[in-house]
Amino acid sequence: MTIRPATDDHATAGDDAPGISTSRAELDVTLKAILVDILGIEKSQADALDGESGLFGHLPELDSMAVATLLTEVEDRLDIMIEDDDIDGEMLETYGGLLAFAEAKLTEK
């Protein structure tokens, strides 16, 4: 599985352009770019997120409406499918939870 870094045209792994190998660091960069794009937060705010950083309930920009958009964008950019049963509170409680969830979905492919 390869993913490409986020770009303004929202490129995904399915594009014909060469991808980069999936590593935790690259996934971290991609997820933070998605948060910047979807939530409209500053890149510096996203870069400061670590495994313990709170998301849902901590970032005012991440409300219930933004969750659907965020998950759709994660699906698109990572070329994964998120089922309704996959979604739980822990996944969006912290940035580390979101990162672990995305890693798990990528390994399912």
PDB file of N, CA and C in Angstrom:
ATOM      1  N   MET A   1       0.836  -1.179   0.000  1.00  0.00           N
ATOM      2  CA  MET A   1       0.000   0.000   0.000  1.00  0.00           C
ATOM      3  C   MET A   1       0.871   1.229   0.000  1.00  0.00           C
ATOM      4  N   THR A   2       0.564   2.166  -0.848  1.00  0.00           N
ATOM      5  CA  THR A   2       1.279   3.434  -0.853  1.00  0.00           C
ATOM      6  C   THR A   2       0.282   4.560  -0.722  1.00  0.00           C
ATOM      7  N   ILE A   3       0.724   5.619  -0.097  1.00  0.00           N
ATOM      8  CA  ILE A   3      -0.084   6.826  -0.033  1.00  0.00           C
ATOM      9  C   ILE A   3       0.773   7.975  -0.489  1.00  0.00           C
ATOM     10  N   ARG A   4       0.134   8.973  -1.001  1.00  0.00           N
ATOM     11  CA  ARG A   4       0.847  10.166  -1.406  1.00  0.00           C
ATOM     12  C   ARG A   4       0.577  11.248  -0.393  1.00  0.00           C
ATOM     13  N   PRO A   5       1.564  12.136  -0.183  1.00  0.00           N
ATOM     14  CA  PRO A   5       1.310  13.228   0.732  1.00  0.00           C
ATOM     15  C   PRO A   5       0.145  14.063   0.233  1.00  0.00           C
ATOM     16  N   ALA A   6      -0.539  14.688   1.154  1.00  0.00           N
ATOM     17  CA  ALA A   6      -1.692  15.518   0.808  1.00  0.00           C
ATOM     18  C   ALA A   6      -1.262  16.671  -0.082  1.00  0.00           C
ATOM     19  N   THR A   7      -2.099  16.956  -1.061  1.00  0.00           N
ATOM     20  CA  THR A   7      -1.886  18.102  -1.925  1.00  0.00           C
ATOM     21  C   THR A   7      -3.197  18.840  -2.041  1.00  0.00           C
ATOM     22  N   ASP A   8      -3.155  19.988  -2.672  1.00  0.00           N
ATOM     23  CA  ASP A   8      -4.374  20.772  -2.808  1.00  0.00           C
ATOM     24  C   ASP A   8      -5.439  20.074  -3.638  1.00  0.00           C
ATOM     25  N   ASP A   9      -5.021  19.161  -4.532  1.00  0.00           N
ATOM     26  CA  ASP A   9      -6.015  18.481  -5.359  1.00  0.00           C
ATOM     27  C   ASP A   9      -6.511  17.192  -4.704  1.00  0.00           C
ATOM     28  N   HIS A  10      -6.140  16.970  -3.454  1.00  0.00           N
ATOM     29  CA  HIS A  10      -6.598  15.815  -2.680  1.00  0.00           C
ATOM     30  C   HIS A  10      -6.282  14.505  -3.379  1.00  0.00           C
ATOM     31  N   ALA A  11      -5.027  14.350  -3.818  1.00  0.00           N
ATOM     32  CA  ALA A  11      -4.595  13.136  -4.487  1.00  0.00           C
ATOM     33  C   ALA A  11      -4.732  11.940  -3.555  1.00  0.00           C
ATOM     34  N   THR A  12      -5.020  10.797  -4.140  1.00  0.00           N
ATOM     35  CA  THR A  12      -5.153   9.576  -3.361  1.00  0.00           C
ATOM     36  C   THR A  12      -4.226   8.514  -3.895  1.00  0.00           C
ATOM     37  N   ALA A  13      -4.152   7.425  -3.178  1.00  0.00           N
ATOM     38  CA  ALA A  13      -3.274   6.333  -3.568  1.00  0.00           C
ATOM     39  C   ALA A  13      -3.667   5.742  -4.904  1.00  0.00           C
ATOM     40  N   GLY A  14      -4.873   5.914  -5.344  1.00  0.00           N
ATOM     41  CA  GLY A  14      -5.320   5.349  -6.593  1.00  0.00           C
ATOM     42  C   GLY A  14      -4.877   6.128  -7.817  1.00  0.00           C
ATOM     43  N   ASP A  15      -4.270   7.284  -7.641  1.00  0.00           N
ATOM     44  CA  ASP A  15      -3.809   8.083  -8.764  1.00  0.00           C
ATOM     45  C   ASP A  15      -2.644   7.385  -9.451  1.00  0.00           C
ATOM     46  N   ASP A  16      -2.351   7.796 -10.693  1.00  0.00           N
ATOM     47  CA  ASP A  16      -1.270   7.193 -11.446  1.00  0.00           C
ATOM     48  C   ASP A  16       0.103   7.683 -11.023  1.00  0.00           C
ATOM     49  N   ALA A  17       0.186   8.782 -10.296  1.00  0.00           N
ATOM     50  CA  ALA A  17       1.471   9.315  -9.866  1.00  0.00           C
ATOM     51  C   ALA A  17       2.107   8.362  -8.859  1.00  0.00           C
ATOM     52  N   PRO A  18       3.443   8.353  -8.829  1.00  0.00           N
ATOM     53  CA  PRO A  18       4.098   7.452  -7.884  1.00  0.00           C
ATOM     54  C   PRO A  18       3.766   7.812  -6.449  1.00  0.00           C
ATOM     55  N   GLY A  19       3.610   6.803  -5.596  1.00  0.00           N
ATOM     56  CA  GLY A  19       3.272   7.029  -4.203  1.00  0.00           C
ATOM     57  C   GLY A  19       4.497   6.907  -3.318  1.00  0.00           C
ATOM     58  N   ILE A  20       4.281   7.050  -2.046  1.00  0.00           N
ATOM     59  CA  ILE A  20       5.334   6.851  -1.069  1.00  0.00           C
ATOM     60  C   ILE A  20       4.921   5.677  -0.199  1.00  0.00           C
ATOM     61  N   SER A  21       5.883   5.001   0.360  1.00  0.00           N
ATOM     62  CA  SER A  21       5.533   3.861   1.191  1.00  0.00           C
ATOM     63  C   SER A  21       4.863   4.353   2.467  1.00  0.00           C
ATOM     64  N   THR A  22       3.976   3.541   2.985  1.00  0.00           N
ATOM     65  CA  THR A  22       3.248   3.902   4.186  1.00  0.00           C
ATOM     66  C   THR A  22       4.110   3.636   5.405  1.00  0.00           C
ATOM     67  N   SER A  23       4.392   4.665   6.132  1.00  0.00           N
ATOM     68  CA  SER A  23       5.044   4.522   7.428  1.00  0.00           C
ATOM     69  C   SER A  23       4.206   5.321   8.410  1.00  0.00           C
ATOM     70  N   ARG A  24       4.441   5.088   9.676  1.00  0.00           N
ATOM     71  CA  ARG A  24       3.692   5.834  10.691  1.00  0.00           C
ATOM     72  C   ARG A  24       3.931   7.337  10.529  1.00  0.00           C
ATOM     73  N   ALA A  25       5.168   7.726  10.237  1.00  0.00           N
ATOM     74  CA  ALA A  25       5.493   9.143  10.084  1.00  0.00           C
ATOM     75  C   ALA A  25       4.761   9.749   8.887  1.00  0.00           C
ATOM     76  N   GLU A  26       4.704   9.020   7.783  1.00  0.00           N
ATOM     77  CA  GLU A  26       4.018   9.526   6.594  1.00  0.00           C
ATOM     78  C   GLU A  26       2.514   9.582   6.809  1.00  0.00           C
ATOM     79  N   LEU A  27       1.983   8.591   7.505  1.00  0.00           N
ATOM     80  CA  LEU A  27       0.565   8.593   7.831  1.00  0.00           C
ATOM     81  C   LEU A  27       0.247   9.769   8.746  1.00  0.00           C
ATOM     82  N   ASP A  28       1.119  10.048   9.689  1.00  0.00           N
ATOM     83  CA  ASP A  28       0.973  11.178  10.598  1.00  0.00           C
ATOM     84  C   ASP A  28       0.884  12.488   9.803  1.00  0.00           C
ATOM     85  N   VAL A  29       1.765  12.662   8.852  1.00  0.00           N
ATOM     86  CA  VAL A  29       1.766  13.875   8.020  1.00  0.00           C
ATOM     87  C   VAL A  29       0.453  13.976   7.235  1.00  0.00           C
ATOM     88  N   THR A  30       0.018  12.882   6.676  1.00  0.00           N
ATOM     89  CA  THR A  30      -1.214  12.876   5.890  1.00  0.00           C
ATOM     90  C   THR A  30      -2.430  13.199   6.751  1.00  0.00           C
ATOM     91  N   LEU A  31      -2.531  12.561   7.913  1.00  0.00           N
ATOM     92  CA  LEU A  31      -3.676  12.821   8.798  1.00  0.00           C
ATOM     93  C   LEU A  31      -3.697  14.273   9.269  1.00  0.00           C
ATOM     94  N   LYS A  32      -2.553  14.810   9.591  1.00  0.00           N
ATOM     95  CA  LYS A  32      -2.498  16.208  10.030  1.00  0.00           C
ATOM     96  C   LYS A  32      -2.890  17.153   8.900  1.00  0.00           C
ATOM     97  N   ALA A  33      -2.492  16.830   7.671  1.00  0.00           N
ATOM     98  CA  ALA A  33      -2.899  17.643   6.520  1.00  0.00           C
ATOM     99  C   ALA A  33      -4.412  17.591   6.332  1.00  0.00           C
ATOM    100  N   ILE A  34      -5.001  16.429   6.543  1.00  0.00           N
ATOM    101  CA  ILE A  34      -6.454  16.293   6.441  1.00  0.00           C
ATOM    102  C   ILE A  34      -7.134  17.159   7.505  1.00  0.00           C
ATOM    103  N   LEU A  35      -6.626  17.132   8.722  1.00  0.00           N
ATOM    104  CA  LEU A  35      -7.203  17.956   9.788  1.00  0.00           C
ATOM    105  C   LEU A  35      -7.115  19.439   9.451  1.00  0.00           C
ATOM    106  N   VAL A  36      -5.992  19.867   8.891  1.00  0.00           N
ATOM    107  CA  VAL A  36      -5.837  21.267   8.483  1.00  0.00           C
ATOM    108  C   VAL A  36      -6.865  21.615   7.418  1.00  0.00           C
ATOM    109  N   ASP A  37      -6.977  20.761   6.409  1.00  0.00           N
ATOM    110  CA  ASP A  37      -7.885  21.032   5.292  1.00  0.00           C
ATOM    111  C   ASP A  37      -9.349  20.997   5.698  1.00  0.00           C
ATOM    112  N   ILE A  38      -9.743  20.021   6.479  1.00  0.00           N
ATOM    113  CA  ILE A  38     -11.160  19.836   6.815  1.00  0.00           C
ATOM    114  C   ILE A  38     -11.602  20.755   7.942  1.00  0.00           C
ATOM    115  N   LEU A  39     -10.767  20.899   8.963  1.00  0.00           N
ATOM    116  CA  LEU A  39     -11.169  21.700  10.119  1.00  0.00           C
ATOM    117  C   LEU A  39     -10.790  23.168   9.997  1.00  0.00           C
ATOM    118  N   GLY A  40      -9.892  23.467   9.066  1.00  0.00           N
ATOM    119  CA  GLY A  40      -9.462  24.852   8.896  1.00  0.00           C
ATOM    120  C   GLY A  40      -8.558  25.335  10.018  1.00  0.00           C
ATOM    121  N   ILE A  41      -7.898  24.391  10.702  1.00  0.00           N
ATOM    122  CA  ILE A  41      -6.969  24.791  11.764  1.00  0.00           C
ATOM    123  C   ILE A  41      -5.621  25.140  11.132  1.00  0.00           C
ATOM    124  N   GLU A  42      -4.808  25.839  11.879  1.00  0.00           N
ATOM    125  CA  GLU A  42      -3.475  26.194  11.407  1.00  0.00           C
ATOM    126  C   GLU A  42      -2.589  24.946  11.350  1.00  0.00           C
ATOM    127  N   LYS A  43      -1.670  24.929  10.395  1.00  0.00           N
ATOM    128  CA  LYS A  43      -0.742  23.809  10.266  1.00  0.00           C
ATOM    129  C   LYS A  43       0.058  23.641  11.556  1.00  0.00           C
ATOM    130  N   SER A  44       0.446  24.744  12.167  1.00  0.00           N
ATOM    131  CA  SER A  44       1.219  24.662  13.409  1.00  0.00           C
ATOM    132  C   SER A  44       0.411  23.995  14.524  1.00  0.00           C
ATOM    133  N   GLN A  45      -0.906  24.229  14.539  1.00  0.00           N
ATOM    134  CA  GLN A  45      -1.764  23.582  15.536  1.00  0.00           C
ATOM    135  C   GLN A  45      -1.822  22.079  15.280  1.00  0.00           C
ATOM    136  N   ALA A  46      -1.947  21.698  14.014  1.00  0.00           N
ATOM    137  CA  ALA A  46      -1.971  20.276  13.673  1.00  0.00           C
ATOM    138  C   ALA A  46      -0.622  19.625  13.961  1.00  0.00           C
ATOM    139  N   ASP A  47       0.459  20.317  13.633  1.00  0.00           N
ATOM    140  CA  ASP A  47       1.794  19.763  13.872  1.00  0.00           C
ATOM    141  C   ASP A  47       2.053  19.521  15.351  1.00  0.00           C
ATOM    142  N   ALA A  48       1.407  20.282  16.207  1.00  0.00           N
ATOM    143  CA  ALA A  48       1.597  20.144  17.659  1.00  0.00           C
ATOM    144  C   ALA A  48       0.832  18.961  18.249  1.00  0.00           C
ATOM    145  N   LEU A  49      -0.062  18.358  17.471  1.00  0.00           N
ATOM    146  CA  LEU A  49      -0.834  17.226  17.968  1.00  0.00           C
ATOM    147  C   LEU A  49       0.077  16.029  18.208  1.00  0.00           C
ATOM    148  N   ASP A  50      -0.122  15.377  19.350  1.00  0.00           N
ATOM    149  CA  ASP A  50       0.592  14.137  19.627  1.00  0.00           C
ATOM    150  C   ASP A  50      -0.433  13.076  20.012  1.00  0.00           C
ATOM    151  N   GLY A  51       0.034  11.928  20.382  1.00  0.00           N
ATOM    152  CA  GLY A  51      -0.851  10.809  20.664  1.00  0.00           C
ATOM    153  C   GLY A  51      -1.883  11.074  21.743  1.00  0.00           C
ATOM    154  N   GLU A  52      -1.578  11.953  22.667  1.00  0.00           N
ATOM    155  CA  GLU A  52      -2.481  12.249  23.772  1.00  0.00           C
ATOM    156  C   GLU A  52      -3.372  13.464  23.523  1.00  0.00           C
ATOM    157  N   SER A  53      -3.152  14.162  22.429  1.00  0.00           N
ATOM    158  CA  SER A  53      -3.924  15.372  22.139  1.00  0.00           C
ATOM    159  C   SER A  53      -5.391  15.034  21.906  1.00  0.00           C
ATOM    160  N   GLY A  54      -6.264  15.733  22.602  1.00  0.00           N
ATOM    161  CA  GLY A  54      -7.694  15.515  22.450  1.00  0.00           C
ATOM    162  C   GLY A  54      -8.205  16.029  21.119  1.00  0.00           C
ATOM    163  N   LEU A  55      -9.153  15.319  20.542  1.00  0.00           N
ATOM    164  CA  LEU A  55      -9.774  15.746  19.288  1.00  0.00           C
ATOM    165  C   LEU A  55     -11.236  16.113  19.549  1.00  0.00           C
ATOM    166  N   PHE A  56     -12.134  15.143  19.400  1.00  0.00           N
ATOM    167  CA  PHE A  56     -13.560  15.419  19.551  1.00  0.00           C
ATOM    168  C   PHE A  56     -13.839  15.859  20.986  1.00  0.00           C
ATOM    169  N   GLY A  57     -14.447  17.022  21.126  1.00  0.00           N
ATOM    170  CA  GLY A  57     -14.705  17.582  22.440  1.00  0.00           C
ATOM    171  C   GLY A  57     -13.603  18.510  22.920  1.00  0.00           C
ATOM    172  N   HIS A  58     -12.470  18.501  22.218  1.00  0.00           N
ATOM    173  CA  HIS A  58     -11.341  19.362  22.583  1.00  0.00           C
ATOM    174  C   HIS A  58     -11.069  20.403  21.504  1.00  0.00           C
ATOM    175  N   LEU A  59     -11.274  20.030  20.263  1.00  0.00           N
ATOM    176  CA  LEU A  59     -11.129  20.982  19.155  1.00  0.00           C
ATOM    177  C   LEU A  59     -12.523  21.473  18.777  1.00  0.00           C
ATOM    178  N   PRO A  60     -12.820  22.745  18.993  1.00  0.00           N
ATOM    179  CA  PRO A  60     -14.162  23.239  18.679  1.00  0.00           C
ATOM    180  C   PRO A  60     -14.532  23.057  17.200  1.00  0.00           C
ATOM    181  N   GLU A  61     -13.528  23.020  16.346  1.00  0.00           N
ATOM    182  CA  GLU A  61     -13.780  22.850  14.913  1.00  0.00           C
ATOM    183  C   GLU A  61     -14.275  21.445  14.578  1.00  0.00           C
ATOM    184  N   LEU A  62     -13.966  20.477  15.429  1.00  0.00           N
ATOM    185  CA  LEU A  62     -14.361  19.088  15.175  1.00  0.00           C
ATOM    186  C   LEU A  62     -15.685  18.806  15.881  1.00  0.00           C
ATOM    187  N   ASP A  63     -16.752  19.257  15.241  1.00  0.00           N
ATOM    188  CA  ASP A  63     -18.087  18.994  15.765  1.00  0.00           C
ATOM    189  C   ASP A  63     -18.670  17.789  15.036  1.00  0.00           C
ATOM    190  N   SER A  64     -19.900  17.433  15.358  1.00  0.00           N
ATOM    191  CA  SER A  64     -20.495  16.231  14.777  1.00  0.00           C
ATOM    192  C   SER A  64     -20.615  16.322  13.252  1.00  0.00           C
ATOM    193  N   MET A  65     -20.832  17.509  12.734  1.00  0.00           N
ATOM    194  CA  MET A  65     -20.917  17.663  11.270  1.00  0.00           C
ATOM    195  C   MET A  65     -19.549  17.475  10.627  1.00  0.00           C
ATOM    196  N   ALA A  66     -18.515  17.954  11.276  1.00  0.00           N
ATOM    197  CA  ALA A  66     -17.169  17.841  10.721  1.00  0.00           C
ATOM    198  C   ALA A  66     -16.658  16.408  10.751  1.00  0.00           C
ATOM    199  N   VAL A  67     -17.155  15.595  11.678  1.00  0.00           N
ATOM    200  CA  VAL A  67     -16.707  14.205  11.780  1.00  0.00           C
ATOM    201  C   VAL A  67     -16.976  13.462  10.478  1.00  0.00           C
ATOM    202  N   ALA A  68     -18.163  13.603   9.931  1.00  0.00           N
ATOM    203  CA  ALA A  68     -18.502  12.903   8.679  1.00  0.00           C
ATOM    204  C   ALA A  68     -17.590  13.334   7.542  1.00  0.00           C
ATOM    205  N   THR A  69     -17.344  14.619   7.443  1.00  0.00           N
ATOM    206  CA  THR A  69     -16.464  15.139   6.394  1.00  0.00           C
ATOM    207  C   THR A  69     -15.044  14.639   6.603  1.00  0.00           C
ATOM    208  N   LEU A  70     -14.592  14.652   7.849  1.00  0.00           N
ATOM    209  CA  LEU A  70     -13.244  14.180   8.164  1.00  0.00           C
ATOM    210  C   LEU A  70     -13.076  12.714   7.777  1.00  0.00           C
ATOM    211  N   LEU A  71     -14.022  11.879   8.156  1.00  0.00           N
ATOM    212  CA  LEU A  71     -13.913  10.450   7.864  1.00  0.00           C
ATOM    213  C   LEU A  71     -13.984  10.175   6.363  1.00  0.00           C
ATOM    214  N   THR A  72     -14.797  10.918   5.654  1.00  0.00           N
ATOM    215  CA  THR A  72     -14.868  10.769   4.198  1.00  0.00           C
ATOM    216  C   THR A  72     -13.534  11.123   3.557  1.00  0.00           C
ATOM    217  N   GLU A  73     -12.925  12.185   4.043  1.00  0.00           N
ATOM    218  CA  GLU A  73     -11.629  12.600   3.491  1.00  0.00           C
ATOM    219  C   GLU A  73     -10.536  11.592   3.836  1.00  0.00           C
ATOM    220  N   VAL A  74     -10.576  11.019   5.031  1.00  0.00           N
ATOM    221  CA  VAL A  74      -9.615   9.978   5.403  1.00  0.00           C
ATOM    222  C   VAL A  74      -9.775   8.789   4.458  1.00  0.00           C
ATOM    223  N   GLU A  75     -11.008   8.389   4.197  1.00  0.00           N
ATOM    224  CA  GLU A  75     -11.252   7.294   3.247  1.00  0.00           C
ATOM    225  C   GLU A  75     -10.657   7.610   1.883  1.00  0.00           C
ATOM    226  N   ASP A  76     -10.927   8.812   1.390  1.00  0.00           N
ATOM    227  CA  ASP A  76     -10.469   9.195   0.055  1.00  0.00           C
ATOM    228  C   ASP A  76      -8.950   9.245  -0.046  1.00  0.00           C
ATOM    229  N   ARG A  77      -8.317   9.898   0.887  1.00  0.00           N
ATOM    230  CA  ARG A  77      -6.864  10.082   0.791  1.00  0.00           C
ATOM    231  C   ARG A  77      -6.069   8.833   1.110  1.00  0.00           C
ATOM    232  N   LEU A  78      -6.610   7.977   1.973  1.00  0.00           N
ATOM    233  CA  LEU A  78      -5.894   6.759   2.314  1.00  0.00           C
ATOM    234  C   LEU A  78      -6.368   5.553   1.517  1.00  0.00           C
ATOM    235  N   ASP A  79      -7.388   5.759   0.710  1.00  0.00           N
ATOM    236  CA  ASP A  79      -7.951   4.689  -0.111  1.00  0.00           C
ATOM    237  C   ASP A  79      -8.369   3.506   0.767  1.00  0.00           C
ATOM    238  N   ILE A  80      -9.156   3.817   1.804  1.00  0.00           N
ATOM    239  CA  ILE A  80      -9.677   2.809   2.710  1.00  0.00           C
ATOM    240  C   ILE A  80     -11.193   2.951   2.778  1.00  0.00           C
ATOM    241  N   MET A  81     -11.835   1.956   3.341  1.00  0.00           N
ATOM    242  CA  MET A  81     -13.278   1.998   3.548  1.00  0.00           C
ATOM    243  C   MET A  81     -13.533   1.964   5.046  1.00  0.00           C
ATOM    244  N   ILE A  82     -14.291   2.946   5.526  1.00  0.00           N
ATOM    245  CA  ILE A  82     -14.654   2.994   6.940  1.00  0.00           C
ATOM    246  C   ILE A  82     -16.125   2.643   7.045  1.00  0.00           C
ATOM    247  N   GLU A  83     -16.395   1.525   7.697  1.00  0.00           N
ATOM    248  CA  GLU A  83     -17.770   1.072   7.891  1.00  0.00           C
ATOM    249  C   GLU A  83     -18.354   1.762   9.116  1.00  0.00           C
ATOM    250  N   ASP A  84     -19.663   1.849   9.171  1.00  0.00           N
ATOM    251  CA  ASP A  84     -20.324   2.463  10.327  1.00  0.00           C
ATOM    252  C   ASP A  84     -19.928   1.772  11.629  1.00  0.00           C
ATOM    253  N   ASP A  85     -19.772   0.444  11.581  1.00  0.00           N
ATOM    254  CA  ASP A  85     -19.407  -0.316  12.779  1.00  0.00           C
ATOM    255  C   ASP A  85     -17.986  -0.012  13.263  1.00  0.00           C
ATOM    256  N   ASP A  86     -17.154   0.566  12.379  1.00  0.00           N
ATOM    257  CA  ASP A  86     -15.773   0.888  12.737  1.00  0.00           C
ATOM    258  C   ASP A  86     -15.683   2.125  13.624  1.00  0.00           C
ATOM    259  N   ILE A  87     -16.702   2.941  13.583  1.00  0.00           N
ATOM    260  CA  ILE A  87     -16.658   4.244  14.234  1.00  0.00           C
ATOM    261  C   ILE A  87     -17.098   4.131  15.682  1.00  0.00           C
ATOM    262  N   ASP A  88     -16.216   4.588  16.587  1.00  0.00           N
ATOM    263  CA  ASP A  88     -16.562   4.642  18.002  1.00  0.00           C
ATOM    264  C   ASP A  88     -15.908   5.866  18.624  1.00  0.00           C
ATOM    265  N   GLY A  89     -16.267   6.147  19.841  1.00  0.00           N
ATOM    266  CA  GLY A  89     -15.779   7.341  20.516  1.00  0.00           C
ATOM    267  C   GLY A  89     -14.277   7.354  20.721  1.00  0.00           C
ATOM    268  N   GLU A  90     -13.695   6.202  20.974  1.00  0.00           N
ATOM    269  CA  GLU A  90     -12.255   6.121  21.209  1.00  0.00           C
ATOM    270  C   GLU A  90     -11.457   6.556  19.995  1.00  0.00           C
ATOM    271  N   MET A  91     -11.959   6.258  18.809  1.00  0.00           N
ATOM    272  CA  MET A  91     -11.251   6.579  17.582  1.00  0.00           C
ATOM    273  C   MET A  91     -10.995   8.076  17.450  1.00  0.00           C
ATOM    274  N   LEU A  92     -11.925   8.887  17.886  1.00  0.00           N
ATOM    275  CA  LEU A  92     -11.781  10.336  17.735  1.00  0.00           C
ATOM    276  C   LEU A  92     -11.517  11.048  19.055  1.00  0.00           C
ATOM    277  N   GLU A  93     -11.313  10.282  20.114  1.00  0.00           N
ATOM    278  CA  GLU A  93     -11.048  10.895  21.419  1.00  0.00           C
ATOM    279  C   GLU A  93      -9.701  11.606  21.434  1.00  0.00           C
ATOM    280  N   THR A  94      -8.684  10.949  20.878  1.00  0.00           N
ATOM    281  CA  THR A  94      -7.347  11.545  20.823  1.00  0.00           C
ATOM    282  C   THR A  94      -6.782  11.413  19.416  1.00  0.00           C
ATOM    283  N   TYR A  95      -5.761  12.200  19.146  1.00  0.00           N
ATOM    284  CA  TYR A  95      -5.090  12.083  17.854  1.00  0.00           C
ATOM    285  C   TYR A  95      -4.445  10.707  17.725  1.00  0.00           C
ATOM    286  N   GLY A  96      -3.899  10.187  18.812  1.00  0.00           N
ATOM    287  CA  GLY A  96      -3.306   8.847  18.784  1.00  0.00           C
ATOM    288  C   GLY A  96      -4.330   7.784  18.425  1.00  0.00           C
ATOM    289  N   GLY A  97      -5.562   7.952  18.892  1.00  0.00           N
ATOM    290  CA  GLY A  97      -6.625   7.013  18.538  1.00  0.00           C
ATOM    291  C   GLY A  97      -6.939   7.037  17.059  1.00  0.00           C
ATOM    292  N   LEU A  98      -6.970   8.235  16.487  1.00  0.00           N
ATOM    293  CA  LEU A  98      -7.224   8.365  15.046  1.00  0.00           C
ATOM    294  C   LEU A  98      -6.077   7.758  14.247  1.00  0.00           C
ATOM    295  N   LEU A  99      -4.858   8.026  14.667  1.00  0.00           N
ATOM    296  CA  LEU A  99      -3.688   7.486  13.979  1.00  0.00           C
ATOM    297  C   LEU A  99      -3.678   5.956  14.047  1.00  0.00           C
ATOM    298  N   ALA A 100      -3.944   5.401  15.211  1.00  0.00           N
ATOM    299  CA  ALA A 100      -3.977   3.939  15.355  1.00  0.00           C
ATOM    300  C   ALA A 100      -5.089   3.327  14.506  1.00  0.00           C
ATOM    301  N   PHE A 101      -6.243   3.988  14.469  1.00  0.00           N
ATOM    302  CA  PHE A 101      -7.361   3.504  13.661  1.00  0.00           C
ATOM    303  C   PHE A 101      -6.960   3.468  12.180  1.00  0.00           C
ATOM    304  N   ALA A 102      -6.364   4.556  11.694  1.00  0.00           N
ATOM    305  CA  ALA A 102      -5.964   4.616  10.284  1.00  0.00           C
ATOM    306  C   ALA A 102      -4.920   3.553   9.968  1.00  0.00           C
ATOM    307  N   GLU A 103      -3.967   3.344  10.877  1.00  0.00           N
ATOM    308  CA  GLU A 103      -2.963   2.304  10.673  1.00  0.00           C
ATOM    309  C   GLU A 103      -3.622   0.926  10.559  1.00  0.00           C
ATOM    310  N   ALA A 104      -4.562   0.659  11.444  1.00  0.00           N
ATOM    311  CA  ALA A 104      -5.250  -0.633  11.431  1.00  0.00           C
ATOM    312  C   ALA A 104      -6.014  -0.831  10.132  1.00  0.00           C
ATOM    313  N   LYS A 105      -6.689   0.215   9.660  1.00  0.00           N
ATOM    314  CA  LYS A 105      -7.450   0.098   8.408  1.00  0.00           C
ATOM    315  C   LYS A 105      -6.517  -0.134   7.224  1.00  0.00           C
ATOM    316  N   LEU A 106      -5.360   0.478   7.230  1.00  0.00           N
ATOM    317  CA  LEU A 106      -4.405   0.270   6.136  1.00  0.00           C
ATOM    318  C   LEU A 106      -3.867  -1.143   6.116  1.00  0.00           C
ATOM    319  N   THR A 107      -3.693  -1.743   7.287  1.00  0.00           N
ATOM    320  CA  THR A 107      -3.180  -3.109   7.328  1.00  0.00           C
ATOM    321  C   THR A 107      -4.233  -4.132   6.918  1.00  0.00           C
ATOM    322  N   GLU A 108      -5.508  -3.745   6.979  1.00  0.00           N
ATOM    323  CA  GLU A 108      -6.587  -4.636   6.538  1.00  0.00           C
ATOM    324  C   GLU A 108      -6.611  -4.810   5.028  1.00  0.00           C
ATOM    325  N   LYS A 109      -6.048  -3.864   4.327  1.00  0.00           N
ATOM    326  CA  LYS A 109      -6.118  -3.889   2.853  1.00  0.00           C
ATOM    327  C   LYS A 109      -5.348  -5.045   2.279  1.00  0.00           C
TER     328      LYS A 109
END
